[in-house]
Amino acid sequence: MKFTKRNLIIAGVLILIPVLFQFLQYQTLDWTELSNTLFLISLPLLVVGLFGWVFSSGTFDFFHYSMRKTTKLKKKKNEEDDAEKELNPHALSTAVGKSYQSVLTIGALVFLASVLCLWDYFLQ
């Protein structure tokens, strides 16, 4: 995960918006409502980030490679050797790269804030 200043600011804004909205609308903070709202904000970020993590780790590289190889049209033997050179078994994990890390970090920080709000509710 990348704990950069930009990711921390985005996560802070995503946490601050529901807090301000709830405080302005109800003039109080309800910890369970705030925890639920933060969880619903973090859920799509975590899903996208975890999918990126799984894809970049190379889990589906062989499946992707074999599906691309089987869907190729039948060609002559000479052209088939050239086509096999074009297929890269690690194409999927290299295509995803490391772009998922920011989304995963922001989602994890918002989820952590949700858990902390829930924890504070149970301590009262």
C-alpha atoms as a PDB file:
ATOM      1  CA  MET A   1       0.000   0.000   0.000  1.00  0.00           C
ATOM      2  CA  LYS A   2       1.103   3.521  -0.744  1.00  0.00           C
ATOM      3  CA  PHE A   3       0.600   5.939   2.146  1.00  0.00           C
ATOM      4  CA  THR A   4       1.330   9.083   0.175  1.00  0.00           C
ATOM      5  CA  LYS A   5       0.192  12.551   1.152  1.00  0.00           C
ATOM      6  CA  ARG A   6      -2.313  12.582  -1.723  1.00  0.00           C
ATOM      7  CA  ASN A   7      -3.904   9.298  -0.588  1.00  0.00           C
ATOM      8  CA  LEU A   8      -4.161  10.513   2.993  1.00  0.00           C
ATOM      9  CA  ILE A   9      -5.821  13.757   1.869  1.00  0.00           C
ATOM     10  CA  ILE A  10      -8.345  11.924  -0.323  1.00  0.00           C
ATOM     11  CA  ALA A  11      -9.151   9.482   2.492  1.00  0.00           C
ATOM     12  CA  GLY A  12      -9.497  12.384   4.933  1.00  0.00           C
ATOM     13  CA  VAL A  13     -11.930  14.156   2.629  1.00  0.00           C
ATOM     14  CA  LEU A  14     -13.938  10.950   2.152  1.00  0.00           C
ATOM     15  CA  ILE A  15     -14.149  10.594   5.933  1.00  0.00           C
ATOM     16  CA  LEU A  16     -14.894  14.273   6.585  1.00  0.00           C
ATOM     17  CA  ILE A  17     -17.814  14.532   4.137  1.00  0.00           C
ATOM     18  CA  PRO A  18     -20.119  12.051   5.983  1.00  0.00           C
ATOM     19  CA  VAL A  19     -19.099  13.502   9.353  1.00  0.00           C
ATOM     20  CA  LEU A  20     -20.017  17.028   8.269  1.00  0.00           C
ATOM     21  CA  PHE A  21     -23.183  15.874   6.535  1.00  0.00           C
ATOM     22  CA  GLN A  22     -24.388  13.972   9.597  1.00  0.00           C
ATOM     23  CA  PHE A  23     -23.469  16.784  11.981  1.00  0.00           C
ATOM     24  CA  LEU A  24     -25.165  19.448   9.861  1.00  0.00           C
ATOM     25  CA  GLN A  25     -28.301  17.397   9.310  1.00  0.00           C
ATOM     26  CA  TYR A  26     -28.815  15.929  12.802  1.00  0.00           C
ATOM     27  CA  GLN A  27     -26.633  18.246  15.000  1.00  0.00           C
ATOM     28  CA  THR A  28     -25.073  15.119  16.521  1.00  0.00           C
ATOM     29  CA  LEU A  29     -22.849  12.220  15.562  1.00  0.00           C
ATOM     30  CA  ASP A  30     -24.385   8.757  15.662  1.00  0.00           C
ATOM     31  CA  TRP A  31     -21.506   6.301  15.640  1.00  0.00           C
ATOM     32  CA  THR A  32     -23.394   3.417  14.060  1.00  0.00           C
ATOM     33  CA  GLU A  33     -24.772   5.593  11.252  1.00  0.00           C
ATOM     34  CA  LEU A  34     -21.339   7.062  10.632  1.00  0.00           C
ATOM     35  CA  SER A  35     -19.747   3.610  10.651  1.00  0.00           C
ATOM     36  CA  ASN A  36     -22.309   2.322   8.146  1.00  0.00           C
ATOM     37  CA  THR A  37     -21.806   5.302   5.843  1.00  0.00           C
ATOM     38  CA  LEU A  38     -18.019   5.001   5.921  1.00  0.00           C
ATOM     39  CA  PHE A  39     -18.266   1.268   5.270  1.00  0.00           C
ATOM     40  CA  LEU A  40     -20.458   1.860   2.212  1.00  0.00           C
ATOM     41  CA  ILE A  41     -17.949   4.404   0.920  1.00  0.00           C
ATOM     42  CA  SER A  42     -14.985   2.074   1.454  1.00  0.00           C
ATOM     43  CA  LEU A  43     -16.637  -1.030  -0.002  1.00  0.00           C
ATOM     44  CA  PRO A  44     -16.328  -0.224  -3.740  1.00  0.00           C
ATOM     45  CA  LEU A  45     -12.797   1.096  -3.227  1.00  0.00           C
ATOM     46  CA  LEU A  46     -11.747  -2.105  -1.478  1.00  0.00           C
ATOM     47  CA  VAL A  47     -13.391  -4.314  -4.110  1.00  0.00           C
ATOM     48  CA  VAL A  48     -11.642  -2.537  -6.986  1.00  0.00           C
ATOM     49  CA  GLY A  49      -8.316  -2.444  -5.113  1.00  0.00           C
ATOM     50  CA  LEU A  50      -8.428  -6.115  -4.146  1.00  0.00           C
ATOM     51  CA  PHE A  51      -9.330  -7.165  -7.701  1.00  0.00           C
ATOM     52  CA  GLY A  52      -6.331  -5.184  -8.943  1.00  0.00           C
ATOM     53  CA  TRP A  53      -4.121  -6.825  -6.343  1.00  0.00           C
ATOM     54  CA  VAL A  54      -5.248 -10.321  -7.376  1.00  0.00           C
ATOM     55  CA  PHE A  55      -4.785  -9.583 -11.084  1.00  0.00           C
ATOM     56  CA  SER A  56      -1.351  -8.002 -10.627  1.00  0.00           C
ATOM     57  CA  SER A  57      -0.116 -10.914  -8.531  1.00  0.00           C
ATOM     58  CA  GLY A  58      -0.362 -13.177 -11.585  1.00  0.00           C
ATOM     59  CA  THR A  59      -3.174 -15.408 -10.357  1.00  0.00           C
ATOM     60  CA  PHE A  60      -5.068 -15.383 -13.650  1.00  0.00           C
ATOM     61  CA  ASP A  61      -2.093 -15.109 -16.041  1.00  0.00           C
ATOM     62  CA  PHE A  62      -2.133 -18.740 -17.128  1.00  0.00           C
ATOM     63  CA  PHE A  63      -5.910 -18.745 -17.595  1.00  0.00           C
ATOM     64  CA  HIS A  64      -5.725 -15.554 -19.658  1.00  0.00           C
ATOM     65  CA  TYR A  65      -2.836 -16.928 -21.720  1.00  0.00           C
ATOM     66  CA  SER A  66      -4.572 -20.249 -22.416  1.00  0.00           C
ATOM     67  CA  MET A  67      -7.853 -18.573 -23.389  1.00  0.00           C
ATOM     68  CA  ARG A  68      -6.067 -16.262 -25.817  1.00  0.00           C
ATOM     69  CA  LYS A  69      -4.176 -19.183 -27.279  1.00  0.00           C
ATOM     70  CA  THR A  70      -7.267 -21.355 -27.781  1.00  0.00           C
ATOM     71  CA  THR A  71      -9.344 -18.585 -29.347  1.00  0.00           C
ATOM     72  CA  LYS A  72      -6.768 -17.830 -32.035  1.00  0.00           C
ATOM     73  CA  LEU A  73      -7.818 -18.894 -35.483  1.00  0.00           C
ATOM     74  CA  LYS A  74      -6.193 -21.995 -36.865  1.00  0.00           C
ATOM     75  CA  LYS A  75      -3.276 -20.996 -39.028  1.00  0.00           C
ATOM     76  CA  LYS A  76      -0.605 -22.770 -40.937  1.00  0.00           C
ATOM     77  CA  LYS A  77       2.250 -24.212 -38.936  1.00  0.00           C
ATOM     78  CA  ASN A  78       4.674 -21.414 -39.906  1.00  0.00           C
ATOM     79  CA  GLU A  79       2.269 -18.670 -38.922  1.00  0.00           C
ATOM     80  CA  GLU A  80       1.386 -20.508 -35.704  1.00  0.00           C
ATOM     81  CA  ASP A  81       4.968 -20.363 -34.485  1.00  0.00           C
ATOM     82  CA  ASP A  82       5.027 -16.608 -35.094  1.00  0.00           C
ATOM     83  CA  ALA A  83       1.687 -16.167 -33.335  1.00  0.00           C
ATOM     84  CA  GLU A  84       2.940 -18.115 -30.316  1.00  0.00           C
ATOM     85  CA  LYS A  85       5.872 -15.737 -29.975  1.00  0.00           C
ATOM     86  CA  GLU A  86       3.460 -12.796 -29.756  1.00  0.00           C
ATOM     87  CA  LEU A  87       1.572 -14.264 -26.784  1.00  0.00           C
ATOM     88  CA  ASN A  88       3.031 -13.267 -23.445  1.00  0.00           C
ATOM     89  CA  PRO A  89       2.060 -15.522 -20.517  1.00  0.00           C
ATOM     90  CA  HIS A  90       2.357 -12.583 -18.095  1.00  0.00           C
ATOM     91  CA  ALA A  91       0.395 -10.063 -20.161  1.00  0.00           C
ATOM     92  CA  LEU A  92      -2.489  -9.680 -17.693  1.00  0.00           C
ATOM     93  CA  SER A  93      -0.407  -8.952 -14.598  1.00  0.00           C
ATOM     94  CA  THR A  94       1.821  -6.502 -16.469  1.00  0.00           C
ATOM     95  CA  ALA A  95      -1.222  -4.728 -17.942  1.00  0.00           C
ATOM     96  CA  VAL A  96      -2.720  -4.109 -14.495  1.00  0.00           C
ATOM     97  CA  GLY A  97       0.517  -2.765 -13.066  1.00  0.00           C
ATOM     98  CA  LYS A  98       0.477  -1.093  -9.660  1.00  0.00           C
ATOM     99  CA  SER A  99      -2.359   1.356 -10.215  1.00  0.00           C
ATOM    100  CA  TYR A 100      -4.574  -0.484  -7.722  1.00  0.00           C
ATOM    101  CA  GLN A 101      -2.411   0.508  -4.749  1.00  0.00           C
ATOM    102  CA  SER A 102      -3.809   4.021  -4.338  1.00  0.00           C
ATOM    103  CA  VAL A 103      -7.414   2.843  -4.483  1.00  0.00           C
ATOM    104  CA  LEU A 104      -6.679   0.026  -2.024  1.00  0.00           C
ATOM    105  CA  THR A 105      -4.933   2.386   0.396  1.00  0.00           C
ATOM    106  CA  ILE A 106      -7.760   4.932   0.362  1.00  0.00           C
ATOM    107  CA  GLY A 107     -10.361   2.182   0.817  1.00  0.00           C
ATOM    108  CA  ALA A 108      -8.409   0.645   3.695  1.00  0.00           C
ATOM    109  CA  LEU A 109      -8.111   3.993   5.488  1.00  0.00           C
ATOM    110  CA  VAL A 110     -11.831   4.726   5.161  1.00  0.00           C
ATOM    111  CA  PHE A 111     -12.621   1.160   6.308  1.00  0.00           C
ATOM    112  CA  LEU A 112     -10.331   1.650   9.309  1.00  0.00           C
ATOM    113  CA  ALA A 113     -12.232   4.831  10.203  1.00  0.00           C
ATOM    114  CA  SER A 114     -15.483   2.844   9.946  1.00  0.00           C
ATOM    115  CA  VAL A 115     -14.152   0.194  12.324  1.00  0.00           C
ATOM    116  CA  LEU A 116     -12.950   2.868  14.751  1.00  0.00           C
ATOM    117  CA  CYS A 117     -16.404   4.498  14.785  1.00  0.00           C
ATOM    118  CA  LEU A 118     -17.977   1.125  15.487  1.00  0.00           C
ATOM    119  CA  TRP A 119     -15.436   0.437  18.204  1.00  0.00           C
ATOM    120  CA  ASP A 120     -16.204   3.777  19.854  1.00  0.00           C
ATOM    121  CA  TYR A 121     -19.926   2.937  19.750  1.00  0.00           C
ATOM    122  CA  PHE A 122     -19.346  -0.321  21.619  1.00  0.00           C
ATOM    123  CA  LEU A 123     -17.122   1.342  24.222  1.00  0.00           C
ATOM    124  CA  GLN A 124     -19.892   3.764  25.244  1.00  0.00           C
END
